[in-house]
């Protein structure tokens, strides 16, 4: 019995010390993670809107949204940068979509975070896939096909072996565009 009590006390002490250390590490790392996420978002804004020189976060929207401008004075809007997330095959996918000012055409796509299957689902982050979205008409929605895509029909071609991840990207984009259009129509975005 004496051995059991010693083991319980030892395990309790180890557990309390480990929990305290993990808490401290989390408190130390959280601001750094948030700063890096903000820098990644800023970098992605200029990747999905290559003509942009400045941007403004739209606070009125109930989701994260940026209006991008052609000049530093923020006088000529060229569209929006929309970070949005949804479910993929393995977990959440967070991406940034560039949309022109009339919300009819995609300007670019950058996958910010994903936990898809290495070698298959992760191909959604690579240029052959993401380049399909550049200049793609998104009215009324973006579609997908397993066959060769027809840009006139607002289609992208899914990745063989990663169809679920490819479809998830399209669903995330369509959901984000729907929210963006609703926000613009309600006058919450200029």
N, C-alpha and C. Protein backbone atom coordinates (compact mmCIF):
# COMPACT_ATOMS: atom_id res chain seq x y z
N UNK A 1 0.82 -1.20 0.00
CA UNK A 1 0.00 0.00 0.00
C UNK A 1 0.86 1.26 0.00
N UNK A 2 1.94 1.22 0.71
CA UNK A 2 2.86 2.34 0.78
C UNK A 2 3.42 2.66 -0.61
N UNK A 3 3.68 1.64 -1.42
CA UNK A 3 4.20 1.82 -2.77
C UNK A 3 3.16 2.49 -3.66
N UNK A 4 1.92 2.11 -3.51
CA UNK A 4 0.84 2.69 -4.32
C UNK A 4 0.69 4.18 -4.02
N UNK A 5 0.75 4.55 -2.75
CA UNK A 5 0.64 5.95 -2.36
C UNK A 5 1.79 6.76 -2.94
N UNK A 6 3.02 6.21 -2.87
CA UNK A 6 4.19 6.91 -3.42
C UNK A 6 4.04 7.09 -4.93
N UNK A 7 3.54 6.06 -5.63
CA UNK A 7 3.34 6.16 -7.08
C UNK A 7 2.29 7.21 -7.41
N UNK A 8 1.20 7.24 -6.67
CA UNK A 8 0.15 8.24 -6.90
C UNK A 8 0.66 9.66 -6.67
N UNK A 9 1.42 9.85 -5.60
CA UNK A 9 1.98 11.18 -5.31
C UNK A 9 2.95 11.59 -6.42
N UNK A 10 3.81 10.65 -6.83
CA UNK A 10 4.79 10.94 -7.89
C UNK A 10 4.08 11.28 -9.19
N UNK A 11 3.09 10.50 -9.57
CA UNK A 11 2.35 10.77 -10.80
C UNK A 11 1.59 12.09 -10.74
N UNK A 12 1.04 12.41 -9.58
CA UNK A 12 0.33 13.68 -9.40
C UNK A 12 1.29 14.85 -9.57
N UNK A 13 2.46 14.76 -8.95
CA UNK A 13 3.45 15.84 -9.06
C UNK A 13 3.92 15.99 -10.51
N UNK A 14 4.20 14.87 -11.17
CA UNK A 14 4.62 14.92 -12.57
C UNK A 14 3.52 15.52 -13.43
N UNK A 15 2.28 15.12 -13.18
CA UNK A 15 1.16 15.65 -13.95
C UNK A 15 0.96 17.14 -13.76
N UNK A 16 1.06 17.61 -12.52
CA UNK A 16 0.89 19.05 -12.23
C UNK A 16 2.01 19.85 -12.86
N UNK A 17 3.24 19.38 -12.75
CA UNK A 17 4.38 20.10 -13.33
C UNK A 17 4.26 20.11 -14.86
N UNK A 18 3.92 18.96 -15.45
CA UNK A 18 3.77 18.90 -16.92
C UNK A 18 2.65 19.81 -17.40
N UNK A 19 1.52 19.79 -16.72
CA UNK A 19 0.41 20.66 -17.10
C UNK A 19 0.77 22.13 -17.00
N UNK A 20 1.47 22.50 -15.94
CA UNK A 20 1.91 23.89 -15.77
C UNK A 20 2.88 24.31 -16.85
N UNK A 21 3.83 23.44 -17.18
CA UNK A 21 4.79 23.75 -18.24
C UNK A 21 4.10 23.88 -19.60
N UNK A 22 3.18 22.98 -19.89
CA UNK A 22 2.46 23.07 -21.17
C UNK A 22 1.64 24.36 -21.25
N UNK A 23 1.05 24.75 -20.15
CA UNK A 23 0.29 26.00 -20.11
C UNK A 23 1.20 27.20 -20.37
N UNK A 24 2.36 27.21 -19.75
CA UNK A 24 3.31 28.31 -19.95
C UNK A 24 3.81 28.35 -21.39
N UNK A 25 4.11 27.20 -21.95
CA UNK A 25 4.57 27.15 -23.34
C UNK A 25 3.47 27.64 -24.28
N UNK A 26 2.25 27.25 -24.01
CA UNK A 26 1.12 27.70 -24.82
C UNK A 26 0.96 29.22 -24.73
N UNK A 27 1.04 29.77 -23.53
CA UNK A 27 0.94 31.23 -23.35
C UNK A 27 2.06 31.96 -24.06
N UNK A 28 3.25 31.37 -24.08
CA UNK A 28 4.39 31.98 -24.75
C UNK A 28 4.23 31.89 -26.27
N UNK A 29 3.75 30.76 -26.76
CA UNK A 29 3.70 30.53 -28.20
C UNK A 29 2.48 31.16 -28.88
N UNK A 30 1.39 31.31 -28.17
CA UNK A 30 0.15 31.80 -28.79
C UNK A 30 0.30 33.14 -29.51
N UNK A 31 0.93 34.16 -28.90
CA UNK A 31 1.09 35.42 -29.64
C UNK A 31 1.97 35.27 -30.88
N UNK A 32 2.98 34.43 -30.80
CA UNK A 32 3.85 34.21 -31.96
C UNK A 32 3.09 33.51 -33.09
N UNK A 33 2.27 32.55 -32.74
CA UNK A 33 1.45 31.84 -33.74
C UNK A 33 0.49 32.82 -34.40
N UNK A 34 -0.15 33.66 -33.60
CA UNK A 34 -1.10 34.64 -34.14
C UNK A 34 -0.39 35.65 -35.05
N UNK A 35 0.81 36.08 -34.66
CA UNK A 35 1.57 37.03 -35.49
C UNK A 35 1.94 36.37 -36.83
N UNK A 36 2.39 35.12 -36.78
CA UNK A 36 2.74 34.42 -38.02
C UNK A 36 1.52 34.19 -38.90
N UNK A 37 0.38 33.92 -38.29
CA UNK A 37 -0.85 33.74 -39.07
C UNK A 37 -1.25 35.05 -39.75
N UNK A 38 -1.08 36.15 -39.04
CA UNK A 38 -1.40 37.46 -39.61
C UNK A 38 -0.45 37.79 -40.78
N UNK A 39 0.83 37.49 -40.62
CA UNK A 39 1.80 37.73 -41.69
C UNK A 39 1.50 36.85 -42.91
N UNK A 40 1.11 35.61 -42.66
CA UNK A 40 0.76 34.69 -43.75
C UNK A 40 -0.49 35.19 -44.48
N UNK A 41 -1.45 35.72 -43.74
CA UNK A 41 -2.65 36.26 -44.35
C UNK A 41 -2.30 37.47 -45.22
N UNK A 42 -1.46 38.35 -44.71
CA UNK A 42 -1.06 39.54 -45.48
C UNK A 42 -0.31 39.13 -46.76
N UNK A 43 0.58 38.17 -46.64
CA UNK A 43 1.31 37.68 -47.81
C UNK A 43 0.34 37.11 -48.84
N UNK A 44 -0.64 36.35 -48.37
CA UNK A 44 -1.61 35.72 -49.26
C UNK A 44 -2.49 36.74 -49.96
N UNK A 45 -2.80 37.84 -49.29
CA UNK A 45 -3.62 38.89 -49.93
C UNK A 45 -2.95 39.35 -51.22
N UNK A 46 -1.65 39.59 -51.15
CA UNK A 46 -0.94 40.08 -52.33
C UNK A 46 -0.65 38.97 -53.34
N UNK A 47 -0.71 37.71 -52.93
CA UNK A 47 -0.57 36.61 -53.88
C UNK A 47 -1.85 36.39 -54.68
N UNK A 48 -3.00 36.51 -54.03
CA UNK A 48 -4.28 36.29 -54.74
C UNK A 48 -4.76 37.54 -55.46
N UNK A 49 -4.18 38.67 -55.13
CA UNK A 49 -4.49 39.93 -55.82
C UNK A 49 -3.16 40.57 -56.23
N UNK A 50 -2.50 40.05 -57.27
CA UNK A 50 -1.16 40.50 -57.61
C UNK A 50 -1.05 41.97 -58.01
N UNK A 51 -2.14 42.58 -58.44
CA UNK A 51 -2.10 44.01 -58.81
C UNK A 51 -2.30 44.92 -57.61
N UNK A 52 -2.61 44.38 -56.48
CA UNK A 52 -2.91 45.19 -55.29
C UNK A 52 -1.65 45.85 -54.74
N UNK A 53 -1.84 47.08 -54.28
CA UNK A 53 -0.76 47.82 -53.61
C UNK A 53 -1.09 48.05 -52.14
N UNK A 54 -2.38 47.96 -51.79
CA UNK A 54 -2.79 48.15 -50.39
C UNK A 54 -4.11 47.41 -50.17
N UNK A 55 -4.46 47.30 -48.91
CA UNK A 55 -5.72 46.63 -48.56
C UNK A 55 -6.29 47.25 -47.29
N UNK A 56 -7.57 46.97 -47.07
CA UNK A 56 -8.27 47.47 -45.90
C UNK A 56 -9.16 46.35 -45.38
N UNK A 57 -9.05 46.05 -44.10
CA UNK A 57 -9.91 45.03 -43.51
C UNK A 57 -11.30 45.62 -43.34
N UNK A 58 -12.31 44.87 -43.78
CA UNK A 58 -13.70 45.32 -43.66
C UNK A 58 -14.23 44.82 -42.33
N UNK A 59 -14.37 45.73 -41.40
CA UNK A 59 -14.79 45.39 -40.04
C UNK A 59 -16.28 45.08 -39.94
N UNK A 60 -17.08 45.64 -40.87
CA UNK A 60 -18.53 45.47 -40.81
C UNK A 60 -18.97 44.04 -41.11
N UNK A 61 -18.13 43.30 -41.83
CA UNK A 61 -18.48 41.92 -42.20
C UNK A 61 -18.38 41.03 -40.96
N UNK A 62 -19.21 40.00 -40.90
CA UNK A 62 -19.18 39.10 -39.76
C UNK A 62 -18.21 37.94 -39.98
N UNK A 63 -17.33 38.09 -40.95
CA UNK A 63 -16.26 37.14 -41.23
C UNK A 63 -15.06 37.95 -41.70
N UNK A 64 -13.91 37.31 -41.80
CA UNK A 64 -12.70 38.02 -42.20
C UNK A 64 -12.77 38.35 -43.69
N UNK A 65 -12.58 39.63 -44.04
CA UNK A 65 -12.69 40.09 -45.42
C UNK A 65 -11.82 41.32 -45.61
N UNK A 66 -11.14 41.37 -46.76
CA UNK A 66 -10.26 42.50 -47.08
C UNK A 66 -10.63 43.06 -48.44
N UNK A 67 -10.72 44.37 -48.51
CA UNK A 67 -10.90 45.05 -49.79
C UNK A 67 -9.51 45.45 -50.26
N UNK A 68 -9.19 45.19 -51.52
CA UNK A 68 -7.86 45.49 -52.03
C UNK A 68 -7.93 46.64 -53.04
N UNK A 69 -6.83 47.40 -53.07
CA UNK A 69 -6.79 48.61 -53.88
C UNK A 69 -5.58 48.60 -54.80
N UNK A 70 -5.73 49.30 -55.90
CA UNK A 70 -4.68 49.37 -56.92
C UNK A 70 -3.59 50.37 -56.53
N UNK A 71 -3.88 51.25 -55.57
CA UNK A 71 -2.92 52.28 -55.19
C UNK A 71 -2.76 52.33 -53.67
N UNK A 72 -1.74 53.02 -53.23
CA UNK A 72 -1.46 53.16 -51.79
C UNK A 72 -2.50 54.03 -51.09
N UNK A 73 -3.16 54.93 -51.82
CA UNK A 73 -4.13 55.86 -51.23
C UNK A 73 -5.50 55.23 -51.00
N UNK A 74 -5.66 54.00 -51.40
CA UNK A 74 -6.92 53.27 -51.23
C UNK A 74 -8.09 53.98 -51.93
N UNK A 75 -7.83 54.49 -53.13
CA UNK A 75 -8.88 55.20 -53.86
C UNK A 75 -9.50 54.36 -54.97
N UNK A 76 -8.78 53.37 -55.50
CA UNK A 76 -9.31 52.57 -56.60
C UNK A 76 -9.35 51.09 -56.21
N UNK A 77 -10.54 50.61 -55.88
CA UNK A 77 -10.71 49.22 -55.47
C UNK A 77 -10.63 48.29 -56.68
N UNK A 78 -9.91 47.19 -56.51
CA UNK A 78 -9.83 46.21 -57.59
C UNK A 78 -10.49 44.89 -57.21
N UNK A 79 -10.97 44.79 -55.98
CA UNK A 79 -11.66 43.57 -55.58
C UNK A 79 -11.51 43.26 -54.11
N UNK A 80 -11.59 41.97 -53.82
CA UNK A 80 -11.58 41.51 -52.44
C UNK A 80 -10.63 40.32 -52.28
N UNK A 81 -10.11 40.18 -51.09
CA UNK A 81 -9.36 38.99 -50.69
C UNK A 81 -10.16 38.36 -49.55
N UNK A 82 -10.54 37.14 -49.76
CA UNK A 82 -11.45 36.46 -48.85
C UNK A 82 -10.79 35.23 -48.25
N UNK A 83 -10.37 35.30 -46.98
CA UNK A 83 -9.92 34.08 -46.32
C UNK A 83 -11.15 33.33 -45.82
N UNK A 84 -11.19 32.04 -46.11
CA UNK A 84 -12.35 31.25 -45.72
C UNK A 84 -11.89 29.83 -45.45
N UNK A 85 -12.63 29.12 -44.63
CA UNK A 85 -12.25 27.74 -44.34
C UNK A 85 -13.46 26.82 -44.33
N UNK A 86 -13.17 25.55 -44.51
CA UNK A 86 -14.20 24.52 -44.50
C UNK A 86 -13.56 23.16 -44.32
N UNK A 87 -14.36 22.14 -44.40
CA UNK A 87 -13.87 20.79 -44.18
C UNK A 87 -13.28 20.20 -45.46
N UNK A 88 -12.13 19.54 -45.29
CA UNK A 88 -11.52 18.78 -46.37
C UNK A 88 -11.70 17.30 -46.08
N UNK A 89 -10.82 16.47 -46.63
CA UNK A 89 -10.90 15.03 -46.40
C UNK A 89 -10.40 14.67 -45.00
N UNK A 90 -9.28 15.25 -44.58
CA UNK A 90 -8.66 14.93 -43.30
C UNK A 90 -9.03 15.91 -42.19
N UNK A 91 -9.36 17.13 -42.55
CA UNK A 91 -9.63 18.16 -41.54
C UNK A 91 -9.92 19.49 -42.22
N UNK A 92 -9.72 20.56 -41.48
CA UNK A 92 -10.01 21.90 -41.99
C UNK A 92 -9.02 22.31 -43.08
N UNK A 93 -9.56 23.01 -44.07
CA UNK A 93 -8.75 23.65 -45.10
C UNK A 93 -9.07 25.13 -45.02
N UNK A 94 -8.03 25.95 -44.89
CA UNK A 94 -8.19 27.40 -44.86
C UNK A 94 -7.51 27.95 -46.10
N UNK A 95 -8.23 28.78 -46.84
CA UNK A 95 -7.66 29.31 -48.07
C UNK A 95 -7.97 30.79 -48.21
N UNK A 96 -7.27 31.42 -49.14
CA UNK A 96 -7.50 32.82 -49.47
C UNK A 96 -7.86 32.87 -50.95
N UNK A 97 -8.96 33.54 -51.25
CA UNK A 97 -9.44 33.68 -52.62
C UNK A 97 -9.44 35.15 -52.99
N UNK A 98 -8.91 35.46 -54.16
CA UNK A 98 -8.97 36.80 -54.71
C UNK A 98 -10.13 36.89 -55.67
N UNK A 99 -10.98 37.90 -55.51
CA UNK A 99 -12.17 38.07 -56.35
C UNK A 99 -12.15 39.49 -56.91
N UNK A 100 -12.54 39.64 -58.18
CA UNK A 100 -12.56 40.99 -58.75
C UNK A 100 -13.67 41.82 -58.12
N UNK A 101 -13.71 43.08 -58.45
CA UNK A 101 -14.59 44.02 -57.78
C UNK A 101 -16.08 43.73 -58.02
N UNK A 102 -16.44 43.14 -59.17
CA UNK A 102 -17.85 42.85 -59.42
C UNK A 102 -18.24 41.43 -58.96
N UNK A 103 -17.34 40.74 -58.31
CA UNK A 103 -17.57 39.42 -57.70
C UNK A 103 -17.93 38.34 -58.73
N UNK A 104 -17.51 38.54 -59.97
CA UNK A 104 -17.84 37.59 -61.03
C UNK A 104 -16.68 36.69 -61.42
N UNK A 105 -15.45 37.08 -61.05
CA UNK A 105 -14.29 36.34 -61.51
C UNK A 105 -13.26 36.20 -60.40
N UNK A 106 -12.67 35.02 -60.33
CA UNK A 106 -11.61 34.78 -59.36
C UNK A 106 -10.30 35.29 -59.93
N UNK A 107 -9.50 35.88 -59.06
CA UNK A 107 -8.20 36.41 -59.48
C UNK A 107 -7.08 35.46 -59.08
N UNK A 108 -7.26 34.78 -57.97
CA UNK A 108 -6.23 33.85 -57.51
C UNK A 108 -6.71 33.04 -56.33
N UNK A 109 -5.92 32.01 -55.99
CA UNK A 109 -6.22 31.13 -54.87
C UNK A 109 -4.93 30.73 -54.20
N UNK A 110 -4.92 30.77 -52.89
CA UNK A 110 -3.78 30.32 -52.10
C UNK A 110 -4.31 29.51 -50.92
N UNK A 111 -3.83 28.29 -50.77
CA UNK A 111 -4.22 27.46 -49.63
C UNK A 111 -3.31 27.83 -48.46
N UNK A 112 -3.90 28.31 -47.37
CA UNK A 112 -3.13 28.76 -46.22
C UNK A 112 -2.83 27.64 -45.24
N UNK A 113 -3.81 26.81 -44.96
CA UNK A 113 -3.63 25.72 -44.00
C UNK A 113 -4.41 24.50 -44.49
N UNK A 114 -3.83 23.33 -44.30
CA UNK A 114 -4.50 22.09 -44.66
C UNK A 114 -3.80 20.93 -43.97
N UNK A 115 -4.52 19.85 -43.76
CA UNK A 115 -3.96 18.64 -43.16
C UNK A 115 -4.37 17.43 -44.00
N UNK A 116 -4.34 17.63 -45.31
CA UNK A 116 -4.76 16.56 -46.22
C UNK A 116 -3.68 15.49 -46.33
N UNK A 117 -4.01 14.39 -46.98
CA UNK A 117 -3.09 13.26 -47.13
C UNK A 117 -1.84 13.69 -47.89
N UNK A 118 -0.65 13.50 -47.30
CA UNK A 118 0.59 13.86 -48.00
C UNK A 118 0.72 13.11 -49.32
N UNK A 119 1.10 13.84 -50.35
CA UNK A 119 1.30 13.25 -51.66
C UNK A 119 0.05 13.17 -52.51
N UNK A 120 -1.11 13.23 -51.90
CA UNK A 120 -2.37 13.20 -52.66
C UNK A 120 -3.15 14.48 -52.42
N UNK A 121 -3.78 14.57 -51.25
CA UNK A 121 -4.60 15.74 -50.93
C UNK A 121 -3.80 17.03 -50.87
N UNK A 122 -2.51 16.93 -50.54
CA UNK A 122 -1.69 18.13 -50.47
C UNK A 122 -1.44 18.75 -51.84
N UNK A 123 -1.79 18.03 -52.90
CA UNK A 123 -1.63 18.59 -54.24
C UNK A 123 -2.55 19.79 -54.48
N UNK A 124 -3.54 19.99 -53.61
CA UNK A 124 -4.41 21.16 -53.75
C UNK A 124 -3.64 22.45 -53.47
N UNK A 125 -2.45 22.35 -52.90
CA UNK A 125 -1.63 23.53 -52.63
C UNK A 125 -0.68 23.85 -53.78
N UNK A 126 -0.58 22.96 -54.74
CA UNK A 126 0.41 23.11 -55.82
C UNK A 126 -0.14 23.89 -57.00
N UNK A 127 0.76 24.51 -57.75
CA UNK A 127 0.40 25.41 -58.86
C UNK A 127 -0.47 24.77 -59.94
N UNK A 128 -0.24 23.55 -60.37
CA UNK A 128 -1.14 23.04 -61.42
C UNK A 128 -2.61 23.10 -61.01
N UNK A 129 -2.88 22.86 -59.74
CA UNK A 129 -4.27 22.91 -59.28
C UNK A 129 -4.71 24.35 -59.03
N UNK A 130 -3.95 25.12 -58.27
CA UNK A 130 -4.38 26.47 -57.91
C UNK A 130 -4.43 27.41 -59.11
N UNK A 131 -3.61 27.17 -60.12
CA UNK A 131 -3.63 28.04 -61.30
C UNK A 131 -4.93 27.93 -62.08
N UNK A 132 -5.67 26.84 -61.90
CA UNK A 132 -6.96 26.68 -62.58
C UNK A 132 -7.96 27.77 -62.18
N UNK A 133 -7.77 28.35 -61.00
CA UNK A 133 -8.72 29.32 -60.48
C UNK A 133 -8.44 30.74 -60.96
N UNK A 134 -7.26 30.98 -61.51
CA UNK A 134 -6.91 32.32 -61.99
C UNK A 134 -7.75 32.65 -63.21
N UNK A 135 -8.52 33.72 -63.11
CA UNK A 135 -9.37 34.16 -64.21
C UNK A 135 -10.63 33.35 -64.40
N UNK A 136 -10.94 32.46 -63.47
CA UNK A 136 -12.12 31.61 -63.58
C UNK A 136 -13.38 32.40 -63.26
N UNK A 137 -14.38 32.28 -64.12
CA UNK A 137 -15.66 32.92 -63.87
C UNK A 137 -16.36 32.19 -62.72
N UNK A 138 -16.86 32.95 -61.79
CA UNK A 138 -17.49 32.37 -60.60
C UNK A 138 -18.96 32.75 -60.50
N UNK A 139 -19.59 32.86 -61.64
CA UNK A 139 -20.99 33.25 -61.65
C UNK A 139 -21.82 32.18 -62.32
N UNK A 140 -22.74 31.54 -61.70
CA UNK A 140 -23.16 31.76 -60.32
C UNK A 140 -22.25 31.06 -59.30
N UNK A 141 -21.65 29.92 -59.69
CA UNK A 141 -20.76 29.22 -58.77
C UNK A 141 -19.58 28.64 -59.55
N UNK A 142 -18.60 28.13 -58.81
CA UNK A 142 -17.50 27.38 -59.41
C UNK A 142 -17.91 25.91 -59.41
N UNK A 143 -17.66 25.23 -60.51
CA UNK A 143 -17.98 23.82 -60.64
C UNK A 143 -16.71 22.99 -60.73
N UNK A 144 -16.84 21.70 -60.62
CA UNK A 144 -15.70 20.81 -60.76
C UNK A 144 -16.08 19.66 -61.70
N UNK A 145 -15.06 19.05 -62.27
CA UNK A 145 -15.26 17.90 -63.12
C UNK A 145 -14.04 16.99 -62.99
N UNK A 146 -14.25 15.71 -63.23
CA UNK A 146 -13.12 14.77 -63.24
C UNK A 146 -12.47 14.75 -64.61
N UNK A 147 -13.22 15.12 -65.63
CA UNK A 147 -12.70 15.18 -67.00
C UNK A 147 -11.94 16.49 -67.17
N UNK A 148 -11.55 16.78 -68.38
CA UNK A 148 -10.85 18.03 -68.64
C UNK A 148 -11.80 19.21 -68.41
N UNK A 149 -11.31 20.21 -67.70
CA UNK A 149 -12.16 21.34 -67.33
C UNK A 149 -12.44 22.25 -68.51
N UNK A 150 -13.60 22.89 -68.47
CA UNK A 150 -14.01 23.87 -69.46
C UNK A 150 -14.17 25.20 -68.74
N UNK A 151 -13.20 26.11 -68.93
CA UNK A 151 -13.24 27.40 -68.22
C UNK A 151 -14.50 28.19 -68.52
N UNK A 152 -15.08 27.98 -69.73
CA UNK A 152 -16.31 28.70 -70.08
C UNK A 152 -17.47 28.27 -69.20
N UNK A 153 -17.39 27.10 -68.62
CA UNK A 153 -18.45 26.60 -67.74
C UNK A 153 -18.08 26.76 -66.27
N UNK A 154 -17.11 27.58 -65.99
CA UNK A 154 -16.66 27.84 -64.61
C UNK A 154 -16.21 26.55 -63.93
N UNK A 155 -15.49 25.69 -64.67
CA UNK A 155 -15.08 24.40 -64.14
C UNK A 155 -13.59 24.34 -63.85
N UNK A 156 -13.26 23.55 -62.84
CA UNK A 156 -11.87 23.17 -62.59
C UNK A 156 -11.83 21.65 -62.63
N UNK A 157 -10.66 21.12 -62.92
CA UNK A 157 -10.48 19.67 -62.95
C UNK A 157 -9.97 19.21 -61.59
N UNK A 158 -10.62 18.20 -61.04
CA UNK A 158 -10.20 17.66 -59.74
C UNK A 158 -8.90 16.88 -59.91
N UNK A 159 -8.24 16.66 -58.80
CA UNK A 159 -6.99 15.91 -58.79
C UNK A 159 -7.31 14.43 -58.64
N UNK A 160 -6.77 13.62 -59.53
CA UNK A 160 -6.99 12.18 -59.45
C UNK A 160 -6.37 11.67 -58.14
N UNK A 161 -7.14 10.95 -57.37
CA UNK A 161 -6.67 10.43 -56.09
C UNK A 161 -6.93 11.40 -54.93
N UNK A 162 -7.33 12.61 -55.26
CA UNK A 162 -7.62 13.60 -54.23
C UNK A 162 -8.91 14.35 -54.59
N UNK A 163 -9.87 13.60 -55.09
CA UNK A 163 -11.12 14.21 -55.53
C UNK A 163 -11.84 14.89 -54.39
N UNK A 164 -11.86 14.27 -53.22
CA UNK A 164 -12.57 14.86 -52.08
C UNK A 164 -11.94 16.19 -51.68
N UNK A 165 -10.61 16.25 -51.64
CA UNK A 165 -9.93 17.50 -51.30
C UNK A 165 -10.21 18.57 -52.35
N UNK A 166 -10.19 18.17 -53.63
CA UNK A 166 -10.46 19.12 -54.72
C UNK A 166 -11.88 19.67 -54.62
N UNK A 167 -12.83 18.77 -54.40
CA UNK A 167 -14.23 19.19 -54.26
C UNK A 167 -14.40 20.10 -53.04
N UNK A 168 -13.68 19.78 -51.97
CA UNK A 168 -13.77 20.59 -50.75
C UNK A 168 -13.33 22.02 -51.02
N UNK A 169 -12.28 22.21 -51.80
CA UNK A 169 -11.82 23.55 -52.16
C UNK A 169 -12.94 24.30 -52.89
N UNK A 170 -13.59 23.64 -53.83
CA UNK A 170 -14.69 24.27 -54.60
C UNK A 170 -15.84 24.63 -53.66
N UNK A 171 -16.20 23.75 -52.75
CA UNK A 171 -17.29 24.02 -51.81
C UNK A 171 -16.93 25.22 -50.92
N UNK A 172 -15.69 25.26 -50.44
CA UNK A 172 -15.25 26.37 -49.59
C UNK A 172 -15.33 27.68 -50.36
N UNK A 173 -14.87 27.68 -51.60
CA UNK A 173 -14.92 28.89 -52.42
C UNK A 173 -16.36 29.33 -52.63
N UNK A 174 -17.23 28.40 -53.01
CA UNK A 174 -18.64 28.76 -53.26
C UNK A 174 -19.32 29.28 -52.00
N UNK A 175 -19.04 28.67 -50.84
CA UNK A 175 -19.61 29.16 -49.58
C UNK A 175 -19.11 30.57 -49.27
N UNK A 176 -17.81 30.78 -49.44
CA UNK A 176 -17.22 32.09 -49.18
C UNK A 176 -17.78 33.15 -50.11
N UNK A 177 -17.89 32.82 -51.40
CA UNK A 177 -18.44 33.78 -52.37
C UNK A 177 -19.89 34.11 -52.06
N UNK A 178 -20.64 33.13 -51.63
CA UNK A 178 -22.03 33.36 -51.26
C UNK A 178 -22.12 34.37 -50.10
N UNK A 179 -21.29 34.17 -49.08
CA UNK A 179 -21.28 35.11 -47.95
C UNK A 179 -20.81 36.50 -48.39
N UNK A 180 -19.78 36.54 -49.25
CA UNK A 180 -19.27 37.81 -49.73
C UNK A 180 -20.32 38.55 -50.52
N UNK A 181 -21.02 37.88 -51.42
CA UNK A 181 -22.05 38.53 -52.23
C UNK A 181 -23.18 39.06 -51.34
N UNK A 182 -23.56 38.28 -50.35
CA UNK A 182 -24.60 38.71 -49.42
C UNK A 182 -24.14 39.95 -48.64
N UNK A 183 -22.91 39.96 -48.23
CA UNK A 183 -22.36 41.09 -47.48
C UNK A 183 -22.33 42.35 -48.34
N UNK A 184 -21.91 42.21 -49.59
CA UNK A 184 -21.84 43.37 -50.50
C UNK A 184 -23.24 43.87 -50.81
N UNK A 185 -24.17 42.96 -51.06
CA UNK A 185 -25.56 43.35 -51.35
C UNK A 185 -26.20 44.08 -50.18
N UNK A 186 -25.86 43.69 -48.95
CA UNK A 186 -26.41 44.34 -47.76
C UNK A 186 -25.70 45.65 -47.42
N UNK A 187 -24.70 46.00 -48.20
CA UNK A 187 -23.99 47.26 -47.99
C UNK A 187 -22.99 47.21 -46.86
N UNK A 188 -22.64 46.03 -46.38
CA UNK A 188 -21.68 45.91 -45.28
C UNK A 188 -20.24 46.02 -45.79
N UNK A 189 -20.04 45.83 -47.09
CA UNK A 189 -18.73 46.00 -47.70
C UNK A 189 -18.86 47.05 -48.78
N UNK A 190 -17.91 47.93 -48.83
CA UNK A 190 -17.98 49.04 -49.78
C UNK A 190 -17.62 48.61 -51.17
